[in-house]
Amino acid sequence: MSATAWIVIVVDDLNDYLVSVQASALRTAALASGQADPFANIMHDRCNYVRNRISKLISISLTPYAVPPELKTTACWLIIESMQTRIPQLKLSDDQKSLIARAYKDLDIAATKDLPISMPTDPETPAVQSGNGLTQVSKPTRKTSRTKLDGL
């Protein structure tokens, strides 16, 4: 796949998946005195979760919290799930629960042939090794042998 700019989820992205009343309630209800809108912290946590899940399979973007466009919907549903748990009386619909379950399944297949992921335009590069890149490994002296262990 070609390189594509990854995206950082913004609060307006949630409006694509929720009615405005629900989106507003998730951001403003049950806040502690002085507590700010929880979206930013929850988005950071959930997008880092998405990035960590795929980081062993592909290089991730240097842009903090950026996710591949193919996983935008997945990230949004994981954010919604986490925001909703703050307000237990605000129940998710069965359809919403199904979409959240689908988001976890999509993470299981992300960066495979079933759900290819675009490489970021600003990929993280692995740390550069100095020298020739080779590490000499010494073979330890064995303290036992197969013969000594025979019959155990």
Protein backbone atom coordinates (compact mmCIF):
# COMPACT_ATOMS: atom_id res chain seq x y z
CA MET A 1 0.00 0.00 0.00
CA SER A 2 1.11 3.55 -0.61
CA ALA A 3 2.00 6.04 2.08
CA THR A 4 -0.92 8.07 3.39
CA ALA A 5 -1.15 10.78 6.02
CA TRP A 6 -2.52 9.25 9.21
CA ILE A 7 -5.21 11.14 11.08
CA VAL A 8 -5.66 12.43 14.60
CA ILE A 9 -9.21 11.90 15.79
CA VAL A 10 -10.99 15.13 16.79
CA VAL A 11 -14.17 15.44 18.79
CA ASP A 12 -16.21 16.29 15.67
CA ASP A 13 -15.33 12.85 14.28
CA LEU A 14 -17.56 11.31 16.95
CA ASN A 15 -20.51 13.17 15.44
CA ASP A 16 -20.28 10.81 12.46
CA TYR A 17 -21.18 7.91 14.78
CA LEU A 18 -23.44 9.41 17.46
CA VAL A 19 -26.44 11.69 17.57
CA SER A 20 -25.45 15.12 18.84
CA VAL A 21 -27.34 14.73 22.15
CA GLN A 22 -25.42 11.55 22.98
CA ALA A 23 -22.07 13.03 21.91
CA SER A 24 -22.71 16.11 24.02
CA ALA A 25 -23.73 14.07 27.07
CA LEU A 26 -20.56 11.97 26.86
CA ARG A 27 -18.47 15.12 26.96
CA THR A 28 -20.34 17.16 29.56
CA ALA A 29 -22.27 14.91 31.96
CA ALA A 30 -21.01 13.71 35.33
CA LEU A 31 -17.88 15.86 35.40
CA ALA A 32 -16.11 16.53 38.68
CA SER A 33 -15.77 20.11 39.80
CA GLY A 34 -13.21 21.73 37.51
CA GLN A 35 -12.94 18.65 35.30
CA ALA A 36 -12.52 19.43 31.62
CA ASP A 37 -14.09 17.63 28.69
CA PRO A 38 -12.73 14.06 28.95
CA PHE A 39 -12.51 13.57 25.17
CA ALA A 40 -8.83 14.52 24.76
CA ASN A 41 -7.51 12.19 27.48
CA ILE A 42 -9.70 9.30 26.38
CA MET A 43 -8.80 9.85 22.72
CA HIS A 44 -5.10 9.80 23.60
CA ASP A 45 -5.48 6.54 25.54
CA ARG A 46 -7.56 4.74 22.92
CA CYS A 47 -5.53 5.92 19.92
CA ASN A 48 -2.34 4.82 21.66
CA TYR A 49 -4.02 1.44 22.19
CA VAL A 50 -4.75 1.21 18.45
CA ARG A 51 -1.19 2.25 17.58
CA ASN A 52 0.30 -0.29 20.00
CA ARG A 53 -1.85 -3.07 18.56
CA ILE A 54 -0.52 -2.50 15.04
CA SER A 55 3.04 -1.35 15.84
CA LYS A 56 4.47 -4.86 15.71
CA LEU A 57 3.15 -5.30 12.18
CA ILE A 58 3.86 -1.96 10.52
CA SER A 59 5.72 1.24 11.19
CA ILE A 60 3.54 3.81 12.91
CA SER A 61 3.32 7.56 12.34
CA LEU A 62 5.59 9.94 14.19
CA THR A 63 2.55 12.17 14.73
CA PRO A 64 1.36 11.55 18.30
CA TYR A 65 -2.02 9.80 18.52
CA ALA A 66 -2.35 9.52 14.72
CA VAL A 67 -4.08 6.39 13.44
CA PRO A 68 -4.32 5.04 9.91
CA PRO A 69 -7.40 6.27 8.03
CA GLU A 70 -8.48 2.64 7.67
CA LEU A 71 -8.87 2.48 11.47
CA LYS A 72 -10.66 5.81 11.99
CA THR A 73 -14.01 4.12 12.60
CA THR A 74 -12.36 1.59 14.91
CA ALA A 75 -10.68 4.34 16.96
CA CYS A 76 -13.90 6.35 17.18
CA TRP A 77 -15.90 3.38 18.48
CA LEU A 78 -13.22 2.59 21.08
CA ILE A 79 -13.29 6.22 22.22
CA ILE A 80 -17.09 6.16 22.43
CA GLU A 81 -16.97 2.92 24.44
CA SER A 82 -14.53 4.43 26.96
CA MET A 83 -16.40 7.71 27.22
CA GLN A 84 -19.69 5.89 27.79
CA THR A 85 -18.35 3.89 30.74
CA ARG A 86 -18.10 7.17 32.68
CA ILE A 87 -21.90 7.41 32.63
CA PRO A 88 -23.40 3.93 33.26
CA GLN A 89 -26.99 5.17 33.05
CA LEU A 90 -26.36 6.26 29.45
CA LYS A 91 -26.75 2.93 27.72
CA LEU A 92 -25.33 2.09 24.33
CA SER A 93 -27.76 0.57 21.84
CA ASP A 94 -27.34 -3.02 20.71
CA ASP A 95 -26.20 -1.71 17.32
CA GLN A 96 -23.54 0.43 18.98
CA LYS A 97 -22.35 -2.51 21.09
CA SER A 98 -22.11 -4.58 17.93
CA LEU A 99 -20.02 -1.90 16.23
CA ILE A 100 -17.68 -1.73 19.23
CA ALA A 101 -17.24 -5.52 19.11
CA ARG A 102 -16.51 -5.16 15.37
CA ALA A 103 -13.86 -2.54 16.18
CA TYR A 104 -11.95 -5.03 18.36
CA LYS A 105 -12.22 -7.67 15.62
CA ASP A 106 -10.88 -5.19 13.09
CA LEU A 107 -7.85 -4.60 15.32
CA ASP A 108 -7.25 -8.36 15.34
CA ILE A 109 -6.98 -8.39 11.54
CA ALA A 110 -5.45 -4.93 11.03
CA ALA A 111 -2.33 -4.85 8.87
CA THR A 112 -3.10 -8.24 7.35
CA LYS A 113 -4.34 -9.08 3.87
CA ASP A 114 -7.89 -8.93 5.27
CA LEU A 115 -7.50 -5.31 6.44
CA PRO A 116 -4.43 -3.71 4.87
CA ILE A 117 -3.17 -0.52 6.48
CA SER A 118 -1.56 2.43 4.71
CA MET A 119 2.01 3.20 5.62
CA PRO A 120 2.27 6.65 7.22
CA THR A 121 3.90 9.50 5.31
CA ASP A 122 5.96 10.17 8.46
CA PRO A 123 6.93 6.70 9.72
CA GLU A 124 8.90 6.14 12.85
CA THR A 125 12.32 4.86 11.97
CA PRO A 126 14.01 2.21 14.06
CA ALA A 127 17.00 3.27 16.09
CA VAL A 128 20.14 3.26 13.97
CA GLN A 129 22.86 0.95 15.18
CA SER A 130 26.41 2.19 15.09
CA GLY A 131 29.12 0.05 13.63
CA ASN A 132 28.45 -2.77 11.22
CA GLY A 133 25.11 -3.74 12.80
CA LEU A 134 26.40 -7.11 13.95
CA THR A 135 26.48 -8.26 17.53
CA GLN A 136 28.89 -10.95 18.62
CA VAL A 137 27.24 -13.60 20.72
CA SER A 138 29.34 -15.98 22.77
CA LYS A 139 28.20 -19.51 23.38
CA PRO A 140 27.90 -20.27 27.12
CA THR A 141 29.68 -23.26 28.57
CA ARG A 142 27.19 -26.03 29.28
CA LYS A 143 26.98 -27.22 32.86
CA THR A 144 25.11 -30.37 31.95
CA SER A 145 24.62 -32.60 28.94
CA ARG A 146 22.00 -34.85 27.42
CA THR A 147 23.88 -37.83 28.81
CA LYS A 148 23.77 -36.49 32.36
CA LEU A 149 20.03 -35.79 32.03
CA ASP A 150 19.22 -39.14 30.45
CA GLY A 151 16.69 -41.04 32.49
CA LEU A 152 15.20 -38.04 34.33
